Amino acid sequence: MSSDQVILALDVDTAEEALSWARRLRSRVGTCKVGLQLYIRAGTEVLRGLQKLDIPIFLDLKFHDIPNTVGQAVAAVAVWRPRFLTVHASGGRAMMEAAAASAPTETRVLGVTLLTSLNETSVVEIGWKGGVAETVQHLSSLARKAGLSGVVCSPHEAKSARSVWGAEAEIVTPGIRPPGAKSDDQARSKTAVEAIQEGASRIVIGRPVLRAANPEEVLDLIVSGKG
């Protein structure tokens, strides 16, 4: 695995802390992810800071609304020129097409299939009667038809998603936990090595790095294939 395949989730509360982590670990990751927690608290400041540091941005806002609203939202964040941007694939084909049409040429719009916190019981409870595997494959196929650049799924579904998309697409997998690490709220997790072996193009990792006694060591083990 290369460091460019590692996406660091900056799931912290302040721009100061986020940018400190970005500066510290920039040589060991390819992209930094800004999600809802950080975006709501300090979106403009942290995104401007990442741009100044010349660190690629994964803007993980998971847009999910009517097509016009999502298209306008994507256009609104285009100023940040994110490397990756997420929308919920369950928003439907027209919504995803609007997102893809509004994104800058350098931005890869990814369809989030099922959150990695969901297990079989919760997926059926929501109303996806086919369960995790069938739902992810269906949403992945729909995202491909809508013209997106790939999907976000758990490592457990990476192989299936890869079979839908082929070799060149982005299959991004959160829910990464090093061997022996706590699963936290991730119901469908695997190690980074397992995710790549299953077909992921990139992995997303946050808490196991940010909470580690030696974050650099955690990332070095991941890139070396031991984490």
C-alpha atoms as a PDB file:
ATOM      1  CA  MET A   1       0.000   0.000   0.000  1.00  0.00           C
ATOM      2  CA  SER A   2       1.175   3.550  -0.694  1.00  0.00           C
ATOM      3  CA  SER A   3       0.651   6.504   1.630  1.00  0.00           C
ATOM      4  CA  ASP A   4      -1.502   8.092  -1.086  1.00  0.00           C
ATOM      5  CA  GLN A   5      -4.078   5.357  -0.477  1.00  0.00           C
ATOM      6  CA  VAL A   6      -4.511   6.475   3.141  1.00  0.00           C
ATOM      7  CA  ILE A   7      -7.166   9.075   3.982  1.00  0.00           C
ATOM      8  CA  LEU A   8      -6.875  10.613   7.455  1.00  0.00           C
ATOM      9  CA  ALA A   9     -10.238  11.469   9.018  1.00  0.00           C
ATOM     10  CA  LEU A  10      -9.865  14.778  10.872  1.00  0.00           C
ATOM     11  CA  ASP A  11     -12.750  14.063  13.236  1.00  0.00           C
ATOM     12  CA  VAL A  12     -11.868  16.753  15.779  1.00  0.00           C
ATOM     13  CA  ASP A  13     -13.553  19.921  17.020  1.00  0.00           C
ATOM     14  CA  THR A  14     -11.275  22.785  16.001  1.00  0.00           C
ATOM     15  CA  ALA A  15      -9.389  23.999  12.962  1.00  0.00           C
ATOM     16  CA  GLU A  16      -6.290  24.394  15.104  1.00  0.00           C
ATOM     17  CA  GLU A  17      -6.274  20.722  16.098  1.00  0.00           C
ATOM     18  CA  ALA A  18      -7.192  19.537  12.610  1.00  0.00           C
ATOM     19  CA  LEU A  19      -4.443  21.524  10.921  1.00  0.00           C
ATOM     20  CA  SER A  20      -1.936  20.455  13.546  1.00  0.00           C
ATOM     21  CA  TRP A  21      -2.673  16.820  12.700  1.00  0.00           C
ATOM     22  CA  ALA A  22      -2.541  17.559   8.976  1.00  0.00           C
ATOM     23  CA  ARG A  23       0.875  19.212   9.244  1.00  0.00           C
ATOM     24  CA  ARG A  24       2.188  16.440  11.477  1.00  0.00           C
ATOM     25  CA  LEU A  25       1.059  13.508   9.345  1.00  0.00           C
ATOM     26  CA  ARG A  26       1.017  14.966   5.838  1.00  0.00           C
ATOM     27  CA  SER A  27       3.976  12.862   4.667  1.00  0.00           C
ATOM     28  CA  ARG A  28       2.185   9.666   5.710  1.00  0.00           C
ATOM     29  CA  VAL A  29      -1.257  10.218   4.152  1.00  0.00           C
ATOM     30  CA  GLY A  30      -2.536  11.145   0.732  1.00  0.00           C
ATOM     31  CA  THR A  31      -5.716  13.024   1.678  1.00  0.00           C
ATOM     32  CA  CYS A  32      -7.332  14.583   4.745  1.00  0.00           C
ATOM     33  CA  LYS A  33     -11.047  14.085   5.345  1.00  0.00           C
ATOM     34  CA  VAL A  34     -13.286  16.843   6.675  1.00  0.00           C
ATOM     35  CA  GLY A  35     -16.644  15.545   7.865  1.00  0.00           C
ATOM     36  CA  LEU A  36     -19.736  17.106   9.385  1.00  0.00           C
ATOM     37  CA  GLN A  37     -18.308  17.512  12.882  1.00  0.00           C
ATOM     38  CA  LEU A  38     -15.374  19.648  11.777  1.00  0.00           C
ATOM     39  CA  TYR A  39     -17.141  21.330   8.854  1.00  0.00           C
ATOM     40  CA  ILE A  40     -19.941  22.682  11.051  1.00  0.00           C
ATOM     41  CA  ARG A  41     -17.539  23.944  13.695  1.00  0.00           C
ATOM     42  CA  ALA A  42     -14.760  25.373  11.548  1.00  0.00           C
ATOM     43  CA  GLY A  43     -15.327  24.508   7.905  1.00  0.00           C
ATOM     44  CA  THR A  44     -14.019  27.631   6.202  1.00  0.00           C
ATOM     45  CA  GLU A  45     -10.962  27.944   8.409  1.00  0.00           C
ATOM     46  CA  VAL A  46      -9.860  24.336   8.152  1.00  0.00           C
ATOM     47  CA  LEU A  47     -10.496  24.025   4.420  1.00  0.00           C
ATOM     48  CA  ARG A  48      -8.590  27.225   3.737  1.00  0.00           C
ATOM     49  CA  GLY A  49      -5.776  25.901   5.908  1.00  0.00           C
ATOM     50  CA  LEU A  50      -5.614  22.581   4.086  1.00  0.00           C
ATOM     51  CA  GLN A  51      -5.488  24.423   0.778  1.00  0.00           C
ATOM     52  CA  LYS A  52      -2.552  26.515   2.000  1.00  0.00           C
ATOM     53  CA  LEU A  53      -0.785  23.331   3.082  1.00  0.00           C
ATOM     54  CA  ASP A  54      -1.491  21.883  -0.392  1.00  0.00           C
ATOM     55  CA  ILE A  55      -3.096  18.791   1.139  1.00  0.00           C
ATOM     56  CA  PRO A  56      -5.833  17.112  -0.933  1.00  0.00           C
ATOM     57  CA  ILE A  57      -9.276  17.339   0.664  1.00  0.00           C
ATOM     58  CA  PHE A  58     -11.929  14.671   1.077  1.00  0.00           C
ATOM     59  CA  LEU A  59     -15.066  16.685   1.813  1.00  0.00           C
ATOM     60  CA  ASP A  60     -17.296  14.090   3.431  1.00  0.00           C
ATOM     61  CA  LEU A  61     -20.628  15.879   3.837  1.00  0.00           C
ATOM     62  CA  LYS A  62     -22.811  13.077   2.474  1.00  0.00           C
ATOM     63  CA  PHE A  63     -25.291  15.327   0.684  1.00  0.00           C
ATOM     64  CA  HIS A  64     -28.805  13.852   0.525  1.00  0.00           C
ATOM     65  CA  ASP A  65     -31.669  16.023  -0.712  1.00  0.00           C
ATOM     66  CA  ILE A  66     -33.667  16.740  -3.860  1.00  0.00           C
ATOM     67  CA  PRO A  67     -31.537  16.951  -7.032  1.00  0.00           C
ATOM     68  CA  ASN A  68     -31.633  20.737  -7.345  1.00  0.00           C
ATOM     69  CA  THR A  69     -30.595  21.299  -3.737  1.00  0.00           C
ATOM     70  CA  VAL A  70     -27.738  18.807  -3.939  1.00  0.00           C
ATOM     71  CA  GLY A  71     -26.561  20.263  -7.231  1.00  0.00           C
ATOM     72  CA  GLN A  72     -26.501  23.740  -5.695  1.00  0.00           C
ATOM     73  CA  ALA A  73     -24.735  22.439  -2.573  1.00  0.00           C
ATOM     74  CA  VAL A  74     -22.020  20.788  -4.652  1.00  0.00           C
ATOM     75  CA  ALA A  75     -21.595  24.013  -6.624  1.00  0.00           C
ATOM     76  CA  ALA A  76     -21.308  25.933  -3.347  1.00  0.00           C
ATOM     77  CA  VAL A  77     -18.422  23.815  -2.030  1.00  0.00           C
ATOM     78  CA  ALA A  78     -16.663  23.659  -5.397  1.00  0.00           C
ATOM     79  CA  VAL A  79     -14.558  26.655  -4.311  1.00  0.00           C
ATOM     80  CA  TRP A  80     -12.559  24.248  -2.112  1.00  0.00           C
ATOM     81  CA  ARG A  81     -11.703  22.040  -5.099  1.00  0.00           C
ATOM     82  CA  PRO A  82     -11.970  18.827  -3.058  1.00  0.00           C
ATOM     83  CA  ARG A  83     -10.299  15.709  -4.317  1.00  0.00           C
ATOM     84  CA  PHE A  84     -13.317  13.708  -3.161  1.00  0.00           C
ATOM     85  CA  LEU A  85     -16.887  14.661  -2.275  1.00  0.00           C
ATOM     86  CA  THR A  86     -19.646  12.392  -0.961  1.00  0.00           C
ATOM     87  CA  VAL A  87     -23.379  12.091  -1.533  1.00  0.00           C
ATOM     88  CA  HIS A  88     -25.734   9.395  -0.280  1.00  0.00           C
ATOM     89  CA  ALA A  89     -26.431   6.930  -3.087  1.00  0.00           C
ATOM     90  CA  SER A  90     -29.864   6.318  -1.551  1.00  0.00           C
ATOM     91  CA  GLY A  91     -30.795   9.839  -2.684  1.00  0.00           C
ATOM     92  CA  GLY A  92     -31.435   8.362  -6.109  1.00  0.00           C
ATOM     93  CA  ARG A  93     -30.038   8.491  -9.611  1.00  0.00           C
ATOM     94  CA  ALA A  94     -31.257  11.994 -10.486  1.00  0.00           C
ATOM     95  CA  MET A  95     -29.745  13.429  -7.304  1.00  0.00           C
ATOM     96  CA  MET A  96     -26.386  11.772  -8.000  1.00  0.00           C
ATOM     97  CA  GLU A  97     -26.445  12.974 -11.605  1.00  0.00           C
ATOM     98  CA  ALA A  98     -27.016  16.536 -10.361  1.00  0.00           C
ATOM     99  CA  ALA A  99     -24.058  16.208  -8.009  1.00  0.00           C
ATOM    100  CA  ALA A 100     -21.770  14.889 -10.726  1.00  0.00           C
ATOM    101  CA  ALA A 101     -22.834  17.649 -13.132  1.00  0.00           C
ATOM    102  CA  SER A 102     -22.119  20.392 -10.579  1.00  0.00           C
ATOM    103  CA  ALA A 103     -18.729  19.145  -9.381  1.00  0.00           C
ATOM    104  CA  PRO A 104     -15.419  20.634 -10.571  1.00  0.00           C
ATOM    105  CA  THR A 105     -13.596  18.470 -13.107  1.00  0.00           C
ATOM    106  CA  GLU A 106     -10.910  17.559 -10.567  1.00  0.00           C
ATOM    107  CA  THR A 107     -13.423  16.412  -7.939  1.00  0.00           C
ATOM    108  CA  ARG A 108     -14.450  12.769  -7.769  1.00  0.00           C
ATOM    109  CA  VAL A 109     -17.986  12.418  -6.456  1.00  0.00           C
ATOM    110  CA  LEU A 110     -18.469   9.215  -4.461  1.00  0.00           C
ATOM    111  CA  GLY A 111     -21.746   7.561  -3.549  1.00  0.00           C
ATOM    112  CA  VAL A 112     -22.040   6.474   0.071  1.00  0.00           C
ATOM    113  CA  THR A 113     -23.773   3.095   0.067  1.00  0.00           C
ATOM    114  CA  LEU A 114     -24.432   1.944   3.649  1.00  0.00           C
ATOM    115  CA  LEU A 115     -22.834   3.504   6.709  1.00  0.00           C
ATOM    116  CA  THR A 116     -20.276   1.220   8.354  1.00  0.00           C
ATOM    117  CA  SER A 117     -22.113   1.572  11.677  1.00  0.00           C
ATOM    118  CA  LEU A 118     -25.069  -0.429  10.296  1.00  0.00           C
ATOM    119  CA  ASN A 119     -25.350  -4.184  10.740  1.00  0.00           C
ATOM    120  CA  GLU A 120     -27.732  -6.658   9.110  1.00  0.00           C
ATOM    121  CA  THR A 121     -30.451  -6.072  11.694  1.00  0.00           C
ATOM    122  CA  SER A 122     -30.388  -2.286  11.407  1.00  0.00           C
ATOM    123  CA  VAL A 123     -30.345  -2.374   7.596  1.00  0.00           C
ATOM    124  CA  VAL A 124     -33.462  -4.556   7.493  1.00  0.00           C
ATOM    125  CA  GLU A 125     -35.050  -2.396  10.187  1.00  0.00           C
ATOM    126  CA  ILE A 126     -34.589   0.675   7.980  1.00  0.00           C
ATOM    127  CA  GLY A 127     -36.406  -1.111   5.170  1.00  0.00           C
ATOM    128  CA  TRP A 128     -33.645  -2.588   3.002  1.00  0.00           C
ATOM    129  CA  LYS A 129     -35.085  -6.106   3.014  1.00  0.00           C
ATOM    130  CA  GLY A 130     -32.215  -7.595   1.007  1.00  0.00           C
ATOM    131  CA  GLY A 131     -29.744  -6.927   3.794  1.00  0.00           C
ATOM    132  CA  VAL A 132     -26.274  -5.414   3.609  1.00  0.00           C
ATOM    133  CA  ALA A 133     -24.732  -7.239   0.638  1.00  0.00           C
ATOM    134  CA  GLU A 134     -27.683  -6.875  -1.737  1.00  0.00           C
ATOM    135  CA  THR A 135     -28.295  -3.237  -0.785  1.00  0.00           C
ATOM    136  CA  VAL A 136     -24.670  -2.191  -1.247  1.00  0.00           C
ATOM    137  CA  GLN A 137     -24.479  -3.904  -4.629  1.00  0.00           C
ATOM    138  CA  HIS A 138     -27.723  -2.266  -5.772  1.00  0.00           C
ATOM    139  CA  LEU A 139     -26.694   1.223  -4.637  1.00  0.00           C
ATOM    140  CA  SER A 140     -23.233   0.749  -6.113  1.00  0.00           C
ATOM    141  CA  SER A 141     -24.725  -0.131  -9.491  1.00  0.00           C
ATOM    142  CA  LEU A 142     -27.031   2.881  -9.310  1.00  0.00           C
ATOM    143  CA  ALA A 143     -24.113   5.211  -8.513  1.00  0.00           C
ATOM    144  CA  ARG A 144     -22.222   3.899 -11.514  1.00  0.00           C
ATOM    145  CA  LYS A 145     -25.207   4.500 -13.805  1.00  0.00           C
ATOM    146  CA  ALA A 146     -25.461   8.051 -12.413  1.00  0.00           C
ATOM    147  CA  GLY A 147     -21.921   8.848 -13.531  1.00  0.00           C
ATOM    148  CA  LEU A 148     -20.153   9.018 -10.182  1.00  0.00           C
ATOM    149  CA  SER A 149     -16.473   8.170  -9.787  1.00  0.00           C
ATOM    150  CA  GLY A 150     -16.931   5.394  -7.253  1.00  0.00           C
ATOM    151  CA  VAL A 151     -18.455   4.506  -3.924  1.00  0.00           C
ATOM    152  CA  VAL A 152     -17.859   4.436  -0.209  1.00  0.00           C
ATOM    153  CA  CYS A 153     -18.578   1.089   1.405  1.00  0.00           C
ATOM    154  CA  SER A 154     -17.265  -1.063   4.216  1.00  0.00           C
ATOM    155  CA  PRO A 155     -14.301  -3.393   3.531  1.00  0.00           C
ATOM    156  CA  HIS A 156     -16.754  -6.300   3.664  1.00  0.00           C
ATOM    157  CA  GLU A 157     -18.424  -5.111   0.445  1.00  0.00           C
ATOM    158  CA  ALA A 158     -15.309  -3.847  -1.359  1.00  0.00           C
ATOM    159  CA  LYS A 159     -14.954  -6.980  -3.477  1.00  0.00           C
ATOM    160  CA  SER A 160     -18.564  -6.806  -4.624  1.00  0.00           C
ATOM    161  CA  ALA A 161     -18.287  -3.089  -5.383  1.00  0.00           C
ATOM    162  CA  ARG A 162     -15.097  -3.666  -7.345  1.00  0.00           C
ATOM    163  CA  SER A 163     -16.868  -6.289  -9.461  1.00  0.00           C
ATOM    164  CA  VAL A 164     -19.530  -3.693 -10.324  1.00  0.00           C
ATOM    165  CA  TRP A 165     -17.108  -0.867 -11.113  1.00  0.00           C
ATOM    166  CA  GLY A 166     -14.040  -2.495 -12.625  1.00  0.00           C
ATOM    167  CA  ALA A 167     -10.381  -1.756 -12.014  1.00  0.00           C
ATOM    168  CA  GLU A 168     -10.225   2.033 -12.386  1.00  0.00           C
ATOM    169  CA  ALA A 169     -12.965   3.245 -10.039  1.00  0.00           C
ATOM    170  CA  GLU A 170     -12.548   4.594  -6.520  1.00  0.00           C
ATOM    171  CA  ILE A 171     -13.690   2.129  -3.876  1.00  0.00           C
ATOM    172  CA  VAL A 172     -13.117   3.927  -0.580  1.00  0.00           C
ATOM    173  CA  THR A 173     -13.501   2.013   2.670  1.00  0.00           C
ATOM    174  CA  PRO A 174     -13.943   3.528   6.129  1.00  0.00           C
ATOM    175  CA  GLY A 175     -14.383   1.179   9.083  1.00  0.00           C
ATOM    176  CA  ILE A 176     -10.657   0.456   9.192  1.00  0.00           C
ATOM    177  CA  ARG A 177      -9.294  -0.934  12.439  1.00  0.00           C
ATOM    178  CA  PRO A 178      -5.711  -2.151  12.995  1.00  0.00           C
ATOM    179  CA  PRO A 179      -5.303  -5.676  14.412  1.00  0.00           C
ATOM    180  CA  GLY A 180      -6.468  -5.738  18.023  1.00  0.00           C
ATOM    181  CA  ALA A 181      -7.991  -2.235  17.959  1.00  0.00           C
ATOM    182  CA  LYS A 182     -11.417  -1.424  19.413  1.00  0.00           C
ATOM    183  CA  SER A 183     -14.201  -1.493  16.844  1.00  0.00           C
ATOM    184  CA  ASP A 184     -15.888   1.577  18.415  1.00  0.00           C
ATOM    185  CA  ASP A 185     -19.178   2.121  16.535  1.00  0.00           C
ATOM    186  CA  GLN A 186     -18.023   0.336  13.377  1.00  0.00           C
ATOM    187  CA  ALA A 187     -20.207  -2.719  12.787  1.00  0.00           C
ATOM    188  CA  ARG A 188     -18.476  -3.832   9.564  1.00  0.00           C
ATOM    189  CA  SER A 189     -14.752  -3.288   9.981  1.00  0.00           C
ATOM    190  CA  LYS A 190     -11.519  -4.889   8.740  1.00  0.00           C
ATOM    191  CA  THR A 191      -7.828  -4.079   8.751  1.00  0.00           C
ATOM    192  CA  ALA A 192      -6.322  -1.855   6.077  1.00  0.00           C
ATOM    193  CA  VAL A 193      -4.526  -4.789   4.485  1.00  0.00           C
ATOM    194  CA  GLU A 194      -7.747  -6.793   4.318  1.00  0.00           C
ATOM    195  CA  ALA A 195      -9.600  -3.840   2.772  1.00  0.00           C
ATOM    196  CA  ILE A 196      -7.028  -3.430  -0.003  1.00  0.00           C
ATOM    197  CA  GLN A 197      -6.991  -7.177  -0.638  1.00  0.00           C
ATOM    198  CA  GLU A 198     -10.785  -7.078  -0.987  1.00  0.00           C
ATOM    199  CA  GLY A 199     -10.578  -4.399  -3.695  1.00  0.00           C
ATOM    200  CA  ALA A 200     -10.483  -1.019  -1.943  1.00  0.00           C
ATOM    201  CA  SER A 201      -8.508   1.696  -3.693  1.00  0.00           C
ATOM    202  CA  ARG A 202      -8.204   3.816  -0.522  1.00  0.00           C
ATOM    203  CA  ILE A 203      -8.889   3.400   3.167  1.00  0.00           C
ATOM    204  CA  VAL A 204     -10.180   5.942   5.687  1.00  0.00           C
ATOM    205  CA  ILE A 205      -8.865   5.911   9.235  1.00  0.00           C
ATOM    206  CA  GLY A 206      -9.330   8.385  12.068  1.00  0.00           C
ATOM    207  CA  ARG A 207      -9.682   7.438  15.730  1.00  0.00           C
ATOM    208  CA  PRO A 208      -7.160   4.563  15.745  1.00  0.00           C
ATOM    209  CA  VAL A 209      -4.549   7.099  14.571  1.00  0.00           C
ATOM    210  CA  LEU A 210      -5.616  10.222  16.447  1.00  0.00           C
ATOM    211  CA  ARG A 211      -5.958   8.351  19.746  1.00  0.00           C
ATOM    212  CA  ALA A 212      -2.764   6.341  19.391  1.00  0.00           C
ATOM    213  CA  ALA A 213       0.276   6.836  21.613  1.00  0.00           C
ATOM    214  CA  ASN A 214       2.353   6.884  18.424  1.00  0.00           C
ATOM    215  CA  PRO A 215       0.205   7.901  15.422  1.00  0.00           C
ATOM    216  CA  GLU A 216       3.179   7.839  13.053  1.00  0.00           C
ATOM    217  CA  GLU A 217       3.867   4.214  13.933  1.00  0.00           C
ATOM    218  CA  VAL A 218       0.238   3.240  13.279  1.00  0.00           C
ATOM    219  CA  LEU A 219       0.352   4.780   9.799  1.00  0.00           C
ATOM    220  CA  ASP A 220       3.779   3.312   9.036  1.00  0.00           C
ATOM    221  CA  LEU A 221       2.513  -0.158   9.921  1.00  0.00           C
ATOM    222  CA  ILE A 222      -0.530   0.324   7.671  1.00  0.00           C
ATOM    223  CA  VAL A 223       1.549   1.410   4.676  1.00  0.00           C
ATOM    224  CA  SER A 224       4.042  -1.402   5.255  1.00  0.00           C
ATOM    225  CA  GLY A 225       1.213  -3.951   5.154  1.00  0.00           C
ATOM    226  CA  LYS A 226       1.430  -4.875   8.819  1.00  0.00           C
ATOM    227  CA  GLY A 227      -1.392  -2.766  10.178  1.00  0.00           C
END
